[in-house]
């Protein structure tokens, strides 16, 4: 790991995590962490965890459950480990450095999780310009996993009744819903995110429950900014202590 490329960032409540140019985080991850509505007793897994932002956002508060960060890239997994040591979160977060398509080879706790989250790559493999940076390419394009791969892995991790929460571009909605059902994960909650009132949504947040009955709830649209460019009231609530020391 190139230490000159690594910096320590505050995510509120006295928690600081290491990020790099290749492994940082965006608003999407913060929205997903909030959308998951994690419970104190949830045993959670975050797939494609990157710098670990979602597990660390959850770890800021007292929880009985532990979060497993699954990350294929070794340099990203090392960042998470470094952040665990920085915050003394050894009892709250663990790291599995592996390809999620081979999760059964690296975990002895299959079919035991009550929550799985993922902020997946948004670009299909053959779409858009390819990044010259290998880390960026894996993070942005579906090189190391497809939607089907995500669902197959999630099915192996979740116990009956467990939840999958993920975010994705709205144009992927048909593929996401179809692959969820193929994996016996019934879509239960859907929420669209728009940058400003009246704008087309640029993100969707979706939750599925393993083995659940049919019935999808469409939640009110989340507006990120007001017309004047200021944060919306809900975004201010979501951010909460984020950024405070």
C-alpha atoms as a PDB file:
ATOM      1  CA  UNK A   1       0.000   0.000   0.000  1.00  0.00           C
ATOM      2  CA  UNK A   2       1.275   3.428  -0.985  1.00  0.00           C
ATOM      3  CA  UNK A   3       1.051   5.404   2.273  1.00  0.00           C
ATOM      4  CA  UNK A   4       1.362   8.679   0.380  1.00  0.00           C
ATOM      5  CA  UNK A   5      -1.966   7.849  -1.269  1.00  0.00           C
ATOM      6  CA  UNK A   6      -3.773   7.160   2.039  1.00  0.00           C
ATOM      7  CA  UNK A   7      -5.545   9.674   4.227  1.00  0.00           C
ATOM      8  CA  UNK A   8      -7.551   9.538   7.436  1.00  0.00           C
ATOM      9  CA  UNK A   9     -11.113  10.885   7.253  1.00  0.00           C
ATOM     10  CA  UNK A  10     -13.661  11.578   9.983  1.00  0.00           C
ATOM     11  CA  UNK A  11     -17.098   9.990   9.580  1.00  0.00           C
ATOM     12  CA  UNK A  12     -18.511  11.375  12.816  1.00  0.00           C
ATOM     13  CA  UNK A  13     -18.893  10.226  16.407  1.00  0.00           C
ATOM     14  CA  UNK A  14     -15.125  10.171  16.840  1.00  0.00           C
ATOM     15  CA  UNK A  15     -14.641   7.501  14.163  1.00  0.00           C
ATOM     16  CA  UNK A  16     -11.918   7.983  11.531  1.00  0.00           C
ATOM     17  CA  UNK A  17     -11.280   5.695   8.576  1.00  0.00           C
ATOM     18  CA  UNK A  18      -8.494   5.357   6.035  1.00  0.00           C
ATOM     19  CA  UNK A  19      -9.295   6.050   2.390  1.00  0.00           C
ATOM     20  CA  UNK A  20      -7.245   6.320  -0.781  1.00  0.00           C
ATOM     21  CA  UNK A  21      -7.655   7.718  -4.269  1.00  0.00           C
ATOM     22  CA  UNK A  22      -8.691   4.256  -5.450  1.00  0.00           C
ATOM     23  CA  UNK A  23     -10.859   3.401  -2.445  1.00  0.00           C
ATOM     24  CA  UNK A  24     -12.959   6.295  -1.197  1.00  0.00           C
ATOM     25  CA  UNK A  25     -16.708   6.726  -0.709  1.00  0.00           C
ATOM     26  CA  UNK A  26     -19.607   8.762  -2.034  1.00  0.00           C
ATOM     27  CA  UNK A  27     -23.084   9.846  -1.003  1.00  0.00           C
ATOM     28  CA  UNK A  28     -24.472   6.573  -2.417  1.00  0.00           C
ATOM     29  CA  UNK A  29     -22.844   4.550   0.368  1.00  0.00           C
ATOM     30  CA  UNK A  30     -24.122   6.895   3.071  1.00  0.00           C
ATOM     31  CA  UNK A  31     -27.664   6.669   1.680  1.00  0.00           C
ATOM     32  CA  UNK A  32     -27.445   2.866   1.514  1.00  0.00           C
ATOM     33  CA  UNK A  33     -26.150   2.578   5.079  1.00  0.00           C
ATOM     34  CA  UNK A  34     -29.139   4.622   6.252  1.00  0.00           C
ATOM     35  CA  UNK A  35     -31.651   2.768   4.037  1.00  0.00           C
ATOM     36  CA  UNK A  36     -30.628  -0.571   5.582  1.00  0.00           C
ATOM     37  CA  UNK A  37     -32.082   0.513   8.944  1.00  0.00           C
ATOM     38  CA  UNK A  38     -29.673  -1.821  10.716  1.00  0.00           C
ATOM     39  CA  UNK A  39     -30.826  -3.284  14.016  1.00  0.00           C
ATOM     40  CA  UNK A  40     -28.697  -3.620  17.127  1.00  0.00           C
ATOM     41  CA  UNK A  41     -28.803  -7.405  16.855  1.00  0.00           C
ATOM     42  CA  UNK A  42     -28.260  -7.730  13.085  1.00  0.00           C
ATOM     43  CA  UNK A  43     -25.431  -9.980  11.995  1.00  0.00           C
ATOM     44  CA  UNK A  44     -24.440  -8.122   8.829  1.00  0.00           C
ATOM     45  CA  UNK A  45     -22.219  -8.551   5.782  1.00  0.00           C
ATOM     46  CA  UNK A  46     -21.195  -5.781   3.400  1.00  0.00           C
ATOM     47  CA  UNK A  47     -20.171  -7.074  -0.029  1.00  0.00           C
ATOM     48  CA  UNK A  48     -17.627  -5.190  -2.132  1.00  0.00           C
ATOM     49  CA  UNK A  49     -16.901  -3.119   0.929  1.00  0.00           C
ATOM     50  CA  UNK A  50     -14.178  -0.899  -0.562  1.00  0.00           C
ATOM     51  CA  UNK A  51     -12.712   1.222   2.231  1.00  0.00           C
ATOM     52  CA  UNK A  52     -15.353  -0.159   4.595  1.00  0.00           C
ATOM     53  CA  UNK A  53     -17.470   2.979   4.868  1.00  0.00           C
ATOM     54  CA  UNK A  54     -20.766   1.145   5.457  1.00  0.00           C
ATOM     55  CA  UNK A  55     -19.497  -1.170   8.246  1.00  0.00           C
ATOM     56  CA  UNK A  56     -17.817   1.796   9.940  1.00  0.00           C
ATOM     57  CA  UNK A  57     -20.928   3.980   9.717  1.00  0.00           C
ATOM     58  CA  UNK A  58     -22.826   1.204  11.498  1.00  0.00           C
ATOM     59  CA  UNK A  59     -20.029   0.628  14.008  1.00  0.00           C
ATOM     60  CA  UNK A  60     -20.234   4.228  15.266  1.00  0.00           C
ATOM     61  CA  UNK A  61     -23.149   3.169  17.440  1.00  0.00           C
ATOM     62  CA  UNK A  62     -23.544   0.458  20.057  1.00  0.00           C
ATOM     63  CA  UNK A  63     -24.530  -2.838  18.450  1.00  0.00           C
ATOM     64  CA  UNK A  64     -24.465  -6.438  19.615  1.00  0.00           C
ATOM     65  CA  UNK A  65     -24.123  -7.722  16.062  1.00  0.00           C
ATOM     66  CA  UNK A  66     -20.864  -7.833  14.108  1.00  0.00           C
ATOM     67  CA  UNK A  67     -20.323  -6.791  10.480  1.00  0.00           C
ATOM     68  CA  UNK A  68     -18.268  -8.783   7.988  1.00  0.00           C
ATOM     69  CA  UNK A  69     -16.678  -6.706   5.226  1.00  0.00           C
ATOM     70  CA  UNK A  70     -16.147  -8.801   2.082  1.00  0.00           C
ATOM     71  CA  UNK A  71     -13.672  -7.223  -0.348  1.00  0.00           C
ATOM     72  CA  UNK A  72     -11.880  -8.748  -3.347  1.00  0.00           C
ATOM     73  CA  UNK A  73      -9.061  -6.176  -3.615  1.00  0.00           C
ATOM     74  CA  UNK A  74      -6.205  -6.734  -1.191  1.00  0.00           C
ATOM     75  CA  UNK A  75      -5.256  -3.048  -0.952  1.00  0.00           C
ATOM     76  CA  UNK A  76      -8.835  -2.142  -0.003  1.00  0.00           C
ATOM     77  CA  UNK A  77      -9.014  -4.964   2.559  1.00  0.00           C
ATOM     78  CA  UNK A  78      -5.781  -3.660   4.097  1.00  0.00           C
ATOM     79  CA  UNK A  79      -7.352  -0.199   4.421  1.00  0.00           C
ATOM     80  CA  UNK A  80     -10.273  -1.704   6.332  1.00  0.00           C
ATOM     81  CA  UNK A  81      -7.925  -3.602   8.644  1.00  0.00           C
ATOM     82  CA  UNK A  82      -5.966  -0.411   9.251  1.00  0.00           C
ATOM     83  CA  UNK A  83      -9.176   1.437  10.127  1.00  0.00           C
ATOM     84  CA  UNK A  84     -10.264  -1.369  12.468  1.00  0.00           C
ATOM     85  CA  UNK A  85      -7.022  -0.951  14.395  1.00  0.00           C
ATOM     86  CA  UNK A  86      -7.325   2.849  14.342  1.00  0.00           C
ATOM     87  CA  UNK A  87     -10.742   2.683  16.020  1.00  0.00           C
ATOM     88  CA  UNK A  88     -10.245  -0.498  18.107  1.00  0.00           C
ATOM     89  CA  UNK A  89     -13.229  -2.080  16.340  1.00  0.00           C
ATOM     90  CA  UNK A  90     -11.919  -5.649  16.400  1.00  0.00           C
ATOM     91  CA  UNK A  91     -15.131  -6.790  18.101  1.00  0.00           C
ATOM     92  CA  UNK A  92     -17.354  -4.913  15.655  1.00  0.00           C
ATOM     93  CA  UNK A  93     -15.893  -5.536  12.181  1.00  0.00           C
ATOM     94  CA  UNK A  94     -14.039  -8.388  10.496  1.00  0.00           C
ATOM     95  CA  UNK A  95     -12.629  -8.597   6.972  1.00  0.00           C
ATOM     96  CA  UNK A  96     -12.785 -11.395   4.416  1.00  0.00           C
ATOM     97  CA  UNK A  97     -10.466 -10.680   1.475  1.00  0.00           C
ATOM     98  CA  UNK A  98     -11.986 -12.818  -1.262  1.00  0.00           C
ATOM     99  CA  UNK A  99     -14.013 -12.952  -4.446  1.00  0.00           C
ATOM    100  CA  UNK A 100     -17.679 -12.979  -3.404  1.00  0.00           C
ATOM    101  CA  UNK A 101     -18.245 -15.710  -6.003  1.00  0.00           C
ATOM    102  CA  UNK A 102     -16.119 -17.974  -3.774  1.00  0.00           C
ATOM    103  CA  UNK A 103     -17.566 -16.949  -0.409  1.00  0.00           C
ATOM    104  CA  UNK A 104     -18.259 -20.551   0.622  1.00  0.00           C
ATOM    105  CA  UNK A 105     -14.486 -21.227   0.559  1.00  0.00           C
ATOM    106  CA  UNK A 106     -13.743 -18.386   2.972  1.00  0.00           C
ATOM    107  CA  UNK A 107     -16.637 -18.308   5.443  1.00  0.00           C
ATOM    108  CA  UNK A 108     -17.787 -20.854   8.015  1.00  0.00           C
ATOM    109  CA  UNK A 109     -20.932 -18.849   8.748  1.00  0.00           C
ATOM    110  CA  UNK A 110     -23.058 -19.388   5.657  1.00  0.00           C
ATOM    111  CA  UNK A 111     -26.856 -19.033   5.952  1.00  0.00           C
ATOM    112  CA  UNK A 112     -26.510 -17.145   9.250  1.00  0.00           C
ATOM    113  CA  UNK A 113     -26.648 -13.435   8.357  1.00  0.00           C
ATOM    114  CA  UNK A 114     -29.731 -11.301   8.943  1.00  0.00           C
ATOM    115  CA  UNK A 115     -28.561  -8.445   6.694  1.00  0.00           C
ATOM    116  CA  UNK A 116     -26.430  -8.191   3.558  1.00  0.00           C
ATOM    117  CA  UNK A 117     -25.654  -4.855   1.905  1.00  0.00           C
ATOM    118  CA  UNK A 118     -23.883  -3.946  -1.307  1.00  0.00           C
ATOM    119  CA  UNK A 119     -23.063  -0.800  -3.253  1.00  0.00           C
ATOM    120  CA  UNK A 120     -22.251  -2.660  -6.493  1.00  0.00           C
ATOM    121  CA  UNK A 121     -20.444  -1.605  -9.660  1.00  0.00           C
ATOM    122  CA  UNK A 122     -22.839   0.461 -11.763  1.00  0.00           C
ATOM    123  CA  UNK A 123     -21.448  -0.160 -15.241  1.00  0.00           C
ATOM    124  CA  UNK A 124     -21.969  -3.401 -17.177  1.00  0.00           C
ATOM    125  CA  UNK A 125     -18.673  -4.815 -18.430  1.00  0.00           C
ATOM    126  CA  UNK A 126     -19.066  -3.675 -22.036  1.00  0.00           C
ATOM    127  CA  UNK A 127     -20.429  -0.193 -21.358  1.00  0.00           C
ATOM    128  CA  UNK A 128     -18.583   3.122 -21.276  1.00  0.00           C
ATOM    129  CA  UNK A 129     -14.882   3.849 -21.234  1.00  0.00           C
ATOM    130  CA  UNK A 130     -12.711   1.364 -19.375  1.00  0.00           C
ATOM    131  CA  UNK A 131     -10.507   2.754 -16.613  1.00  0.00           C
ATOM    132  CA  UNK A 132      -6.755   2.396 -16.907  1.00  0.00           C
ATOM    133  CA  UNK A 133      -6.614   1.935 -13.128  1.00  0.00           C
ATOM    134  CA  UNK A 134      -7.315  -1.672 -12.184  1.00  0.00           C
ATOM    135  CA  UNK A 135      -8.846  -0.780  -8.813  1.00  0.00           C
ATOM    136  CA  UNK A 136     -11.186   1.780 -10.376  1.00  0.00           C
ATOM    137  CA  UNK A 137     -12.173  -0.661 -13.099  1.00  0.00           C
ATOM    138  CA  UNK A 138     -13.190  -3.348 -10.594  1.00  0.00           C
ATOM    139  CA  UNK A 139     -15.114  -0.803  -8.524  1.00  0.00           C
ATOM    140  CA  UNK A 140     -16.967   0.765 -11.455  1.00  0.00           C
ATOM    141  CA  UNK A 141     -17.453  -2.092 -13.931  1.00  0.00           C
ATOM    142  CA  UNK A 142     -18.904  -5.557 -13.342  1.00  0.00           C
ATOM    143  CA  UNK A 143     -15.537  -7.264 -13.733  1.00  0.00           C
ATOM    144  CA  UNK A 144     -15.576  -9.303 -10.535  1.00  0.00           C
ATOM    145  CA  UNK A 145     -19.326  -9.792 -10.156  1.00  0.00           C
ATOM    146  CA  UNK A 146     -22.617  -9.597 -12.039  1.00  0.00           C
ATOM    147  CA  UNK A 147     -26.065  -9.011 -10.570  1.00  0.00           C
ATOM    148  CA  UNK A 148     -26.580 -12.771 -10.624  1.00  0.00           C
ATOM    149  CA  UNK A 149     -23.277 -13.315  -8.763  1.00  0.00           C
ATOM    150  CA  UNK A 150     -24.409 -10.886  -6.051  1.00  0.00           C
ATOM    151  CA  UNK A 151     -27.694 -12.721  -5.582  1.00  0.00           C
ATOM    152  CA  UNK A 152     -26.068 -16.161  -5.508  1.00  0.00           C
ATOM    153  CA  UNK A 153     -23.599 -14.982  -2.852  1.00  0.00           C
ATOM    154  CA  UNK A 154     -26.362 -13.297  -0.848  1.00  0.00           C
ATOM    155  CA  UNK A 155     -28.460 -16.454  -0.913  1.00  0.00           C
ATOM    156  CA  UNK A 156     -25.514 -18.355   0.606  1.00  0.00           C
ATOM    157  CA  UNK A 157     -25.090 -15.790   3.397  1.00  0.00           C
ATOM    158  CA  UNK A 158     -28.653 -14.932   4.418  1.00  0.00           C
ATOM    159  CA  UNK A 159     -30.721 -16.983   6.814  1.00  0.00           C
ATOM    160  CA  UNK A 160     -34.435 -17.378   6.106  1.00  0.00           C
ATOM    161  CA  UNK A 161     -36.104 -14.000   6.564  1.00  0.00           C
ATOM    162  CA  UNK A 162     -32.794 -12.138   6.226  1.00  0.00           C
ATOM    163  CA  UNK A 163     -32.599  -8.913   4.228  1.00  0.00           C
ATOM    164  CA  UNK A 164     -30.563  -7.757   1.228  1.00  0.00           C
ATOM    165  CA  UNK A 165     -30.202  -4.000   0.706  1.00  0.00           C
ATOM    166  CA  UNK A 166     -28.428  -2.500  -2.263  1.00  0.00           C
ATOM    167  CA  UNK A 167     -28.299   0.597  -4.431  1.00  0.00           C
ATOM    168  CA  UNK A 168     -28.068   0.751  -8.204  1.00  0.00           C
ATOM    169  CA  UNK A 169     -28.864   2.934 -11.180  1.00  0.00           C
ATOM    170  CA  UNK A 170     -32.632   3.004 -11.961  1.00  0.00           C
ATOM    171  CA  UNK A 171     -32.100   1.577 -15.457  1.00  0.00           C
ATOM    172  CA  UNK A 172     -31.004  -1.685 -13.788  1.00  0.00           C
ATOM    173  CA  UNK A 173     -34.338  -2.173 -12.001  1.00  0.00           C
ATOM    174  CA  UNK A 174     -35.657  -4.998 -14.202  1.00  0.00           C
ATOM    175  CA  UNK A 175     -32.455  -7.040 -13.893  1.00  0.00           C
ATOM    176  CA  UNK A 176     -32.254  -6.487 -10.130  1.00  0.00           C
ATOM    177  CA  UNK A 177     -35.873  -7.522  -9.492  1.00  0.00           C
ATOM    178  CA  UNK A 178     -35.648 -10.589 -11.731  1.00  0.00           C
ATOM    179  CA  UNK A 179     -32.371 -11.846 -10.243  1.00  0.00           C
ATOM    180  CA  UNK A 180     -33.653 -11.264  -6.704  1.00  0.00           C
ATOM    181  CA  UNK A 181     -36.638 -13.516  -7.314  1.00  0.00           C
ATOM    182  CA  UNK A 182     -34.476 -16.174  -8.960  1.00  0.00           C
ATOM    183  CA  UNK A 183     -32.452 -16.289  -5.738  1.00  0.00           C
ATOM    184  CA  UNK A 184     -35.629 -16.540  -3.572  1.00  0.00           C
ATOM    185  CA  UNK A 185     -35.105 -12.977  -2.326  1.00  0.00           C
ATOM    186  CA  UNK A 186     -38.454 -11.207  -2.620  1.00  0.00           C
ATOM    187  CA  UNK A 187     -38.305  -7.435  -3.312  1.00  0.00           C
ATOM    188  CA  UNK A 188     -40.039  -5.653  -0.419  1.00  0.00           C
ATOM    189  CA  UNK A 189     -38.982  -1.975  -0.391  1.00  0.00           C
ATOM    190  CA  UNK A 190     -37.996   0.368  -3.223  1.00  0.00           C
ATOM    191  CA  UNK A 191     -37.004   4.013  -3.039  1.00  0.00           C
ATOM    192  CA  UNK A 192     -35.795   6.354  -5.773  1.00  0.00           C
ATOM    193  CA  UNK A 193     -33.311   9.172  -5.160  1.00  0.00           C
ATOM    194  CA  UNK A 194     -33.303  12.459  -7.096  1.00  0.00           C
ATOM    195  CA  UNK A 195     -30.778  15.273  -6.944  1.00  0.00           C
ATOM    196  CA  UNK A 196     -33.489  17.994  -6.838  1.00  0.00           C
ATOM    197  CA  UNK A 197     -37.303  18.222  -6.960  1.00  0.00           C
ATOM    198  CA  UNK A 198     -38.664  17.405 -10.414  1.00  0.00           C
ATOM    199  CA  UNK A 199     -35.467  15.721 -11.606  1.00  0.00           C
ATOM    200  CA  UNK A 200     -35.415  12.143 -12.856  1.00  0.00           C
ATOM    201  CA  UNK A 201     -33.999   9.747 -10.234  1.00  0.00           C
ATOM    202  CA  UNK A 202     -30.311   8.890 -10.530  1.00  0.00           C
ATOM    203  CA  UNK A 203     -30.262   6.150  -7.901  1.00  0.00           C
ATOM    204  CA  UNK A 204     -32.540   3.511  -6.464  1.00  0.00           C
ATOM    205  CA  UNK A 205     -32.400   1.824  -3.065  1.00  0.00           C
ATOM    206  CA  UNK A 206     -33.967  -1.612  -2.805  1.00  0.00           C
ATOM    207  CA  UNK A 207     -34.507  -4.189  -0.083  1.00  0.00           C
ATOM    208  CA  UNK A 208     -35.387  -7.849  -0.535  1.00  0.00           C
ATOM    209  CA  UNK A 209     -36.192 -10.464   2.074  1.00  0.00           C
ATOM    210  CA  UNK A 210     -35.241 -14.123   1.733  1.00  0.00           C
ATOM    211  CA  UNK A 211     -38.271 -16.387   1.480  1.00  0.00           C
ATOM    212  CA  UNK A 212     -40.781 -13.572   1.985  1.00  0.00           C
ATOM    213  CA  UNK A 213     -44.259 -13.315   0.504  1.00  0.00           C
ATOM    214  CA  UNK A 214     -44.905 -11.100  -2.509  1.00  0.00           C
ATOM    215  CA  UNK A 215     -45.601  -7.410  -1.947  1.00  0.00           C
ATOM    216  CA  UNK A 216     -43.373  -4.464  -2.866  1.00  0.00           C
ATOM    217  CA  UNK A 217     -43.687  -1.145  -1.025  1.00  0.00           C
ATOM    218  CA  UNK A 218     -42.706   1.958  -3.025  1.00  0.00           C
ATOM    219  CA  UNK A 219     -41.417   4.537  -0.557  1.00  0.00           C
ATOM    220  CA  UNK A 220     -41.546   8.332  -1.061  1.00  0.00           C
ATOM    221  CA  UNK A 221     -38.791   9.729  -3.256  1.00  0.00           C
ATOM    222  CA  UNK A 222     -35.682  10.960  -1.480  1.00  0.00           C
ATOM    223  CA  UNK A 223     -34.648  14.451  -2.605  1.00  0.00           C
ATOM    224  CA  UNK A 224     -30.971  15.231  -2.000  1.00  0.00           C
ATOM    225  CA  UNK A 225     -30.977  19.026  -2.449  1.00  0.00           C
ATOM    226  CA  UNK A 226     -33.530  21.825  -2.443  1.00  0.00           C
ATOM    227  CA  UNK A 227     -34.035  24.036  -5.493  1.00  0.00           C
ATOM    228  CA  UNK A 228     -31.524  26.549  -4.098  1.00  0.00           C
ATOM    229  CA  UNK A 229     -28.840  23.865  -3.861  1.00  0.00           C
ATOM    230  CA  UNK A 230     -28.954  23.468  -0.080  1.00  0.00           C
ATOM    231  CA  UNK A 231     -29.274  20.021   1.514  1.00  0.00           C
ATOM    232  CA  UNK A 232     -32.853  18.832   1.967  1.00  0.00           C
ATOM    233  CA  UNK A 233     -34.196  18.364   5.483  1.00  0.00           C
ATOM    234  CA  UNK A 234     -34.060  14.569   5.110  1.00  0.00           C
ATOM    235  CA  UNK A 235     -30.474  14.613   3.858  1.00  0.00           C
ATOM    236  CA  UNK A 236     -29.445  16.698   6.858  1.00  0.00           C
ATOM    237  CA  UNK A 237     -31.103  14.107   9.085  1.00  0.00           C
ATOM    238  CA  UNK A 238     -29.346  11.236   7.268  1.00  0.00           C
ATOM    239  CA  UNK A 239     -25.974  12.908   7.554  1.00  0.00           C
ATOM    240  CA  UNK A 240     -26.629  13.554  11.236  1.00  0.00           C
ATOM    241  CA  UNK A 241     -23.313  13.351  13.061  1.00  0.00           C
ATOM    242  CA  UNK A 242     -21.416  12.628   9.832  1.00  0.00           C
ATOM    243  CA  UNK A 243     -18.389  14.884   9.648  1.00  0.00           C
ATOM    244  CA  UNK A 244     -18.489  15.887  13.299  1.00  0.00           C
ATOM    245  CA  UNK A 245     -15.500  15.092  15.428  1.00  0.00           C
END
